[in-house]
Amino acid sequence: MAHTHMYTVDPALPEPGGHGLRLRAWDAGSDADAELWRRGHLDPDFRRWNTPLKLWTDLAGAREALRARARDAADGRSVTFRVTDESGTTLGEIGLGEISRQLKTARVGYWVLPEARGRGVATRALLLASRWACAELGLHRLELGHAVGHDASCRVAERSGYRAEGTLREAMFEAGRHDAFRDVHLHARLATDEEPTPPGAR
């Protein structure tokens, strides 16, 4: 594919940074990265609102999941970032999935480790990733869906300039199940929308 390089996170390129954060590639060969990723996915709050197709519970599974994300990035299907502070401490993850170069769209998802919550990490990371997606990938429309009732995620979306557009009926799995569904609030932001001021900006 002629354009796959546009979606990969090249270590030689400057990492997206700003708002006190850096967006870095996960390292599937790092036990520390795999353990942090595993811990994020086993967190009860993550599991309440997200139901992965496969839940990895051990380090080997976490490493395989990170390798799969690297392959998806190389193929231009998605990009997944490890969110860190300026010192390199991992705070969570933000990713762009279902990237369509033809339609200039993608779906955004994120999670924050329990110890990093309450500091505007998700909002700042979403602002950073959104700007990067529009500037570097040339995307026009970014969509964000969260389970109805997930008020914290709704606030992150709104603070990041993702307008509420409606409710998608039974568009995601119920917690811990693949045989039952729940409604989703759809938010979206366009490249032409004004970028909000990040929380705590001076």
C-alpha atoms as a PDB file:
ATOM      1  CA  MET A   1       0.000   0.000   0.000  1.00  0.00           C
ATOM      2  CA  ALA A   2       1.444   3.336  -1.014  1.00  0.00           C
ATOM      3  CA  HIS A   3       0.125   5.251   1.966  1.00  0.00           C
ATOM      4  CA  THR A   4       0.656   2.882   4.890  1.00  0.00           C
ATOM      5  CA  HIS A   5       3.621   4.901   6.130  1.00  0.00           C
ATOM      6  CA  MET A   6       1.272   7.771   6.905  1.00  0.00           C
ATOM      7  CA  TYR A   7      -0.349   5.802   9.698  1.00  0.00           C
ATOM      8  CA  THR A   8       2.619   4.173  11.378  1.00  0.00           C
ATOM      9  CA  VAL A   9       4.246   5.750  14.405  1.00  0.00           C
ATOM     10  CA  ASP A  10       7.829   6.125  13.218  1.00  0.00           C
ATOM     11  CA  PRO A  11      10.207   6.288  16.219  1.00  0.00           C
ATOM     12  CA  ALA A  12      12.367   8.722  14.227  1.00  0.00           C
ATOM     13  CA  LEU A  13       9.524  11.232  14.004  1.00  0.00           C
ATOM     14  CA  PRO A  14       8.774  13.637  16.860  1.00  0.00           C
ATOM     15  CA  GLU A  15       6.121  12.129  19.134  1.00  0.00           C
ATOM     16  CA  PRO A  16       2.848  14.036  19.298  1.00  0.00           C
ATOM     17  CA  GLY A  17       3.109  16.193  22.398  1.00  0.00           C
ATOM     18  CA  GLY A  18       1.393  19.057  24.141  1.00  0.00           C
ATOM     19  CA  HIS A  19      -0.922  19.892  27.043  1.00  0.00           C
ATOM     20  CA  GLY A  20       1.635  18.245  29.383  1.00  0.00           C
ATOM     21  CA  LEU A  21       1.386  14.890  27.584  1.00  0.00           C
ATOM     22  CA  ARG A  22       3.195  12.762  25.009  1.00  0.00           C
ATOM     23  CA  LEU A  23       1.653  10.145  22.747  1.00  0.00           C
ATOM     24  CA  ARG A  24       4.076   7.263  22.224  1.00  0.00           C
ATOM     25  CA  ALA A  25       3.972   3.844  20.617  1.00  0.00           C
ATOM     26  CA  TRP A  26       3.469   0.847  22.904  1.00  0.00           C
ATOM     27  CA  ASP A  27       6.432  -1.557  22.933  1.00  0.00           C
ATOM     28  CA  ALA A  28       5.157  -5.126  22.600  1.00  0.00           C
ATOM     29  CA  GLY A  29       8.589  -6.401  23.654  1.00  0.00           C
ATOM     30  CA  SER A  30       8.505  -4.540  26.956  1.00  0.00           C
ATOM     31  CA  ASP A  31       7.195  -6.405  30.000  1.00  0.00           C
ATOM     32  CA  ALA A  32       6.514  -3.047  31.650  1.00  0.00           C
ATOM     33  CA  ASP A  33       4.362  -1.856  28.741  1.00  0.00           C
ATOM     34  CA  ALA A  34       2.541  -5.189  28.534  1.00  0.00           C
ATOM     35  CA  GLU A  35       1.831  -5.145  32.274  1.00  0.00           C
ATOM     36  CA  LEU A  36       0.498  -1.582  32.190  1.00  0.00           C
ATOM     37  CA  TRP A  37      -1.722  -2.395  29.214  1.00  0.00           C
ATOM     38  CA  ARG A  38      -2.981  -5.558  30.934  1.00  0.00           C
ATOM     39  CA  ARG A  39      -3.703  -3.660  34.147  1.00  0.00           C
ATOM     40  CA  GLY A  40      -5.651  -1.041  32.225  1.00  0.00           C
ATOM     41  CA  HIS A  41      -7.832  -3.681  30.592  1.00  0.00           C
ATOM     42  CA  LEU A  42      -8.471  -5.595  33.824  1.00  0.00           C
ATOM     43  CA  ASP A  43      -9.502  -2.453  35.713  1.00  0.00           C
ATOM     44  CA  PRO A  44     -13.126  -2.822  36.905  1.00  0.00           C
ATOM     45  CA  ASP A  45     -14.098   0.604  35.560  1.00  0.00           C
ATOM     46  CA  PHE A  46     -12.691  -0.270  32.119  1.00  0.00           C
ATOM     47  CA  ARG A  47     -14.584  -3.568  32.143  1.00  0.00           C
ATOM     48  CA  ARG A  48     -17.812  -1.868  33.197  1.00  0.00           C
ATOM     49  CA  TRP A  49     -17.852   0.299  30.078  1.00  0.00           C
ATOM     50  CA  ASN A  50     -15.848  -1.715  27.525  1.00  0.00           C
ATOM     51  CA  THR A  51     -16.248  -5.273  26.297  1.00  0.00           C
ATOM     52  CA  PRO A  52     -13.302  -6.323  24.109  1.00  0.00           C
ATOM     53  CA  LEU A  53     -13.864  -9.181  21.681  1.00  0.00           C
ATOM     54  CA  LYS A  54     -11.114 -10.987  23.581  1.00  0.00           C
ATOM     55  CA  LEU A  55     -10.026 -10.075  27.092  1.00  0.00           C
ATOM     56  CA  TRP A  56      -6.342 -10.808  27.604  1.00  0.00           C
ATOM     57  CA  THR A  57      -5.560 -11.566  31.239  1.00  0.00           C
ATOM     58  CA  ASP A  58      -1.864 -12.545  31.175  1.00  0.00           C
ATOM     59  CA  LEU A  59       1.349 -10.883  30.006  1.00  0.00           C
ATOM     60  CA  ALA A  60       1.740 -13.130  26.966  1.00  0.00           C
ATOM     61  CA  GLY A  61      -1.761 -12.176  25.835  1.00  0.00           C
ATOM     62  CA  ALA A  62      -1.083  -8.496  26.441  1.00  0.00           C
ATOM     63  CA  ARG A  63       2.084  -8.679  24.335  1.00  0.00           C
ATOM     64  CA  GLU A  64       0.148 -10.394  21.538  1.00  0.00           C
ATOM     65  CA  ALA A  65      -2.530  -7.692  21.697  1.00  0.00           C
ATOM     66  CA  LEU A  66       0.134  -4.985  21.430  1.00  0.00           C
ATOM     67  CA  ARG A  67       1.751  -6.798  18.483  1.00  0.00           C
ATOM     68  CA  ALA A  68      -1.666  -6.930  16.780  1.00  0.00           C
ATOM     69  CA  ARG A  69      -2.031  -3.176  17.262  1.00  0.00           C
ATOM     70  CA  ALA A  70       1.384  -2.601  15.684  1.00  0.00           C
ATOM     71  CA  ARG A  71       0.334  -4.710  12.683  1.00  0.00           C
ATOM     72  CA  ASP A  72      -2.909  -2.752  12.355  1.00  0.00           C
ATOM     73  CA  ALA A  73      -0.934   0.508  12.418  1.00  0.00           C
ATOM     74  CA  ALA A  74       1.415  -0.781   9.720  1.00  0.00           C
ATOM     75  CA  ASP A  75      -1.611  -1.679   7.590  1.00  0.00           C
ATOM     76  CA  GLY A  76      -3.221   1.727   8.122  1.00  0.00           C
ATOM     77  CA  ARG A  77      -6.289   0.329   9.919  1.00  0.00           C
ATOM     78  CA  SER A  78      -5.679   1.957  13.293  1.00  0.00           C
ATOM     79  CA  VAL A  79      -3.153   3.812  15.433  1.00  0.00           C
ATOM     80  CA  THR A  80      -2.810   3.188  19.166  1.00  0.00           C
ATOM     81  CA  PHE A  81      -0.843   5.488  21.458  1.00  0.00           C
ATOM     82  CA  ARG A  82       0.429   5.059  25.004  1.00  0.00           C
ATOM     83  CA  VAL A  83      -0.387   8.318  26.805  1.00  0.00           C
ATOM     84  CA  THR A  84       2.416   9.502  29.099  1.00  0.00           C
ATOM     85  CA  ASP A  85       3.256  12.594  31.090  1.00  0.00           C
ATOM     86  CA  GLU A  86       6.390  14.597  30.316  1.00  0.00           C
ATOM     87  CA  SER A  87       8.488  12.285  32.508  1.00  0.00           C
ATOM     88  CA  GLY A  88       7.410   9.194  30.546  1.00  0.00           C
ATOM     89  CA  THR A  89       5.034   7.751  33.148  1.00  0.00           C
ATOM     90  CA  THR A  90       2.212   5.877  31.421  1.00  0.00           C
ATOM     91  CA  LEU A  91      -1.234   7.315  32.158  1.00  0.00           C
ATOM     92  CA  GLY A  92      -3.449   5.446  29.696  1.00  0.00           C
ATOM     93  CA  GLU A  93      -4.138   4.823  26.029  1.00  0.00           C
ATOM     94  CA  ILE A  94      -5.792   6.599  23.135  1.00  0.00           C
ATOM     95  CA  GLY A  95      -6.397   5.139  19.721  1.00  0.00           C
ATOM     96  CA  LEU A  96      -7.880   5.830  16.314  1.00  0.00           C
ATOM     97  CA  GLY A  97      -9.669   2.827  14.850  1.00  0.00           C
ATOM     98  CA  GLU A  98     -11.552   2.060  11.661  1.00  0.00           C
ATOM     99  CA  ILE A  99      -9.431   4.598   9.783  1.00  0.00           C
ATOM    100  CA  SER A 100     -10.782   5.242   6.307  1.00  0.00           C
ATOM    101  CA  ARG A 101      -8.503   7.287   4.095  1.00  0.00           C
ATOM    102  CA  GLN A 102     -11.208   7.309   1.403  1.00  0.00           C
ATOM    103  CA  LEU A 103     -13.938   8.670   3.683  1.00  0.00           C
ATOM    104  CA  LYS A 104     -11.480  10.631   5.854  1.00  0.00           C
ATOM    105  CA  THR A 105     -13.010   9.214   9.030  1.00  0.00           C
ATOM    106  CA  ALA A 106     -11.938   7.298  12.149  1.00  0.00           C
ATOM    107  CA  ARG A 107     -13.312   6.159  15.511  1.00  0.00           C
ATOM    108  CA  VAL A 108     -11.647   7.353  18.708  1.00  0.00           C
ATOM    109  CA  GLY A 109     -11.288   5.370  21.928  1.00  0.00           C
ATOM    110  CA  TYR A 110      -9.374   5.939  25.170  1.00  0.00           C
ATOM    111  CA  TRP A 111      -8.865   4.772  28.730  1.00  0.00           C
ATOM    112  CA  VAL A 112      -6.964   6.137  31.720  1.00  0.00           C
ATOM    113  CA  LEU A 113      -5.304   4.162  34.524  1.00  0.00           C
ATOM    114  CA  PRO A 114      -7.043   4.554  37.913  1.00  0.00           C
ATOM    115  CA  GLU A 115      -4.171   6.477  39.520  1.00  0.00           C
ATOM    116  CA  ALA A 116      -4.172   9.053  36.687  1.00  0.00           C
ATOM    117  CA  ARG A 117      -7.890   9.875  36.722  1.00  0.00           C
ATOM    118  CA  GLY A 118      -9.319  13.233  37.741  1.00  0.00           C
ATOM    119  CA  ARG A 119      -6.515  15.258  36.129  1.00  0.00           C
ATOM    120  CA  GLY A 120      -8.007  15.876  32.675  1.00  0.00           C
ATOM    121  CA  VAL A 121      -5.740  13.248  31.067  1.00  0.00           C
ATOM    122  CA  ALA A 122      -8.390  11.846  28.725  1.00  0.00           C
ATOM    123  CA  THR A 123      -9.500  15.303  27.570  1.00  0.00           C
ATOM    124  CA  ARG A 124      -5.949  16.507  26.956  1.00  0.00           C
ATOM    125  CA  ALA A 125      -5.016  13.274  25.150  1.00  0.00           C
ATOM    126  CA  LEU A 126      -8.152  13.454  23.003  1.00  0.00           C
ATOM    127  CA  LEU A 127      -7.393  17.058  22.018  1.00  0.00           C
ATOM    128  CA  LEU A 128      -3.831  16.043  21.100  1.00  0.00           C
ATOM    129  CA  ALA A 129      -4.823  12.919  19.156  1.00  0.00           C
ATOM    130  CA  SER A 130      -7.616  14.751  17.337  1.00  0.00           C
ATOM    131  CA  ARG A 131      -5.291  17.495  16.152  1.00  0.00           C
ATOM    132  CA  TRP A 132      -2.729  14.874  15.062  1.00  0.00           C
ATOM    133  CA  ALA A 133      -5.344  12.827  13.174  1.00  0.00           C
ATOM    134  CA  CYS A 134      -6.548  15.826  11.200  1.00  0.00           C
ATOM    135  CA  ALA A 135      -3.096  17.304  10.535  1.00  0.00           C
ATOM    136  CA  GLU A 136      -1.044  14.141   9.912  1.00  0.00           C
ATOM    137  CA  LEU A 137      -3.643  11.731   8.530  1.00  0.00           C
ATOM    138  CA  GLY A 138      -5.786  14.290   6.730  1.00  0.00           C
ATOM    139  CA  LEU A 139      -8.961  13.037   8.406  1.00  0.00           C
ATOM    140  CA  HIS A 140     -12.093  15.180   8.360  1.00  0.00           C
ATOM    141  CA  ARG A 141     -14.532  13.476  10.755  1.00  0.00           C
ATOM    142  CA  LEU A 142     -13.679  11.751  14.044  1.00  0.00           C
ATOM    143  CA  GLU A 143     -16.410   9.773  15.799  1.00  0.00           C
ATOM    144  CA  LEU A 144     -16.578   8.806  19.459  1.00  0.00           C
ATOM    145  CA  GLY A 145     -19.087   6.415  20.972  1.00  0.00           C
ATOM    146  CA  HIS A 146     -19.642   5.594  24.640  1.00  0.00           C
ATOM    147  CA  ALA A 147     -22.186   3.505  26.472  1.00  0.00           C
ATOM    148  CA  VAL A 148     -25.262   5.423  27.581  1.00  0.00           C
ATOM    149  CA  GLY A 149     -24.748   6.209  31.260  1.00  0.00           C
ATOM    150  CA  HIS A 150     -20.980   6.648  31.022  1.00  0.00           C
ATOM    151  CA  ASP A 151     -21.155  10.269  32.139  1.00  0.00           C
ATOM    152  CA  ALA A 152     -17.384  10.707  32.614  1.00  0.00           C
ATOM    153  CA  SER A 153     -16.723   9.770  28.983  1.00  0.00           C
ATOM    154  CA  CYS A 154     -19.552  12.048  27.872  1.00  0.00           C
ATOM    155  CA  ARG A 155     -17.894  14.987  29.655  1.00  0.00           C
ATOM    156  CA  VAL A 156     -14.527  14.170  28.049  1.00  0.00           C
ATOM    157  CA  ALA A 157     -16.155  14.158  24.606  1.00  0.00           C
ATOM    158  CA  GLU A 158     -17.917  17.474  25.160  1.00  0.00           C
ATOM    159  CA  ARG A 159     -14.847  19.190  26.631  1.00  0.00           C
ATOM    160  CA  SER A 160     -12.848  18.010  23.601  1.00  0.00           C
ATOM    161  CA  GLY A 161     -15.243  19.537  21.086  1.00  0.00           C
ATOM    162  CA  TYR A 162     -17.037  16.297  20.167  1.00  0.00           C
ATOM    163  CA  ARG A 163     -20.673  17.283  19.740  1.00  0.00           C
ATOM    164  CA  ALA A 164     -23.417  14.888  20.740  1.00  0.00           C
ATOM    165  CA  GLU A 165     -25.199  13.685  17.604  1.00  0.00           C
ATOM    166  CA  GLY A 166     -27.633  11.106  18.908  1.00  0.00           C
ATOM    167  CA  THR A 167     -28.147   7.624  20.305  1.00  0.00           C
ATOM    168  CA  LEU A 168     -27.193   4.443  18.452  1.00  0.00           C
ATOM    169  CA  ARG A 169     -29.534   1.654  19.500  1.00  0.00           C
ATOM    170  CA  GLU A 170     -27.840  -1.484  20.869  1.00  0.00           C
ATOM    171  CA  ALA A 171     -24.555  -0.592  19.165  1.00  0.00           C
ATOM    172  CA  MET A 172     -22.150  -2.116  21.697  1.00  0.00           C
ATOM    173  CA  PHE A 173     -21.942  -5.158  23.927  1.00  0.00           C
ATOM    174  CA  GLU A 174     -23.188  -5.169  27.488  1.00  0.00           C
ATOM    175  CA  ALA A 175     -20.438  -5.386  30.110  1.00  0.00           C
ATOM    176  CA  GLY A 176     -18.769  -8.787  30.028  1.00  0.00           C
ATOM    177  CA  ARG A 177     -21.169 -10.236  27.441  1.00  0.00           C
ATOM    178  CA  HIS A 178     -21.155 -10.883  23.712  1.00  0.00           C
ATOM    179  CA  ASP A 179     -24.828 -11.920  23.544  1.00  0.00           C
ATOM    180  CA  ALA A 180     -26.483  -8.726  24.805  1.00  0.00           C
ATOM    181  CA  PHE A 181     -26.256  -5.133  23.680  1.00  0.00           C
ATOM    182  CA  ARG A 182     -26.595  -1.586  24.997  1.00  0.00           C
ATOM    183  CA  ASP A 183     -27.213   1.820  23.518  1.00  0.00           C
ATOM    184  CA  VAL A 184     -24.379   4.184  22.613  1.00  0.00           C
ATOM    185  CA  HIS A 185     -24.141   7.962  22.599  1.00  0.00           C
ATOM    186  CA  LEU A 186     -22.492   9.138  19.385  1.00  0.00           C
ATOM    187  CA  HIS A 187     -20.299  12.238  19.420  1.00  0.00           C
ATOM    188  CA  ALA A 188     -18.241  13.611  16.525  1.00  0.00           C
ATOM    189  CA  ARG A 189     -15.783  16.341  15.729  1.00  0.00           C
ATOM    190  CA  LEU A 190     -14.903  17.751  12.320  1.00  0.00           C
ATOM    191  CA  ALA A 191     -11.515  19.058  11.220  1.00  0.00           C
ATOM    192  CA  THR A 192     -13.260  22.391  10.579  1.00  0.00           C
ATOM    193  CA  ASP A 193     -14.633  22.647  14.145  1.00  0.00           C
ATOM    194  CA  GLU A 194     -12.906  25.095  16.473  1.00  0.00           C
ATOM    195  CA  GLU A 195     -10.453  23.399  18.815  1.00  0.00           C
ATOM    196  CA  PRO A 196     -11.413  23.851  22.474  1.00  0.00           C
ATOM    197  CA  THR A 197      -9.004  25.182  25.085  1.00  0.00           C
ATOM    198  CA  PRO A 198      -7.493  22.307  27.108  1.00  0.00           C
ATOM    199  CA  PRO A 199      -8.369  22.057  30.821  1.00  0.00           C
ATOM    200  CA  GLY A 200      -5.973  23.988  33.009  1.00  0.00           C
ATOM    201  CA  ALA A 201      -4.551  25.967  30.071  1.00  0.00           C
ATOM    202  CA  ARG A 202      -3.068  29.302  31.050  1.00  0.00           C
END
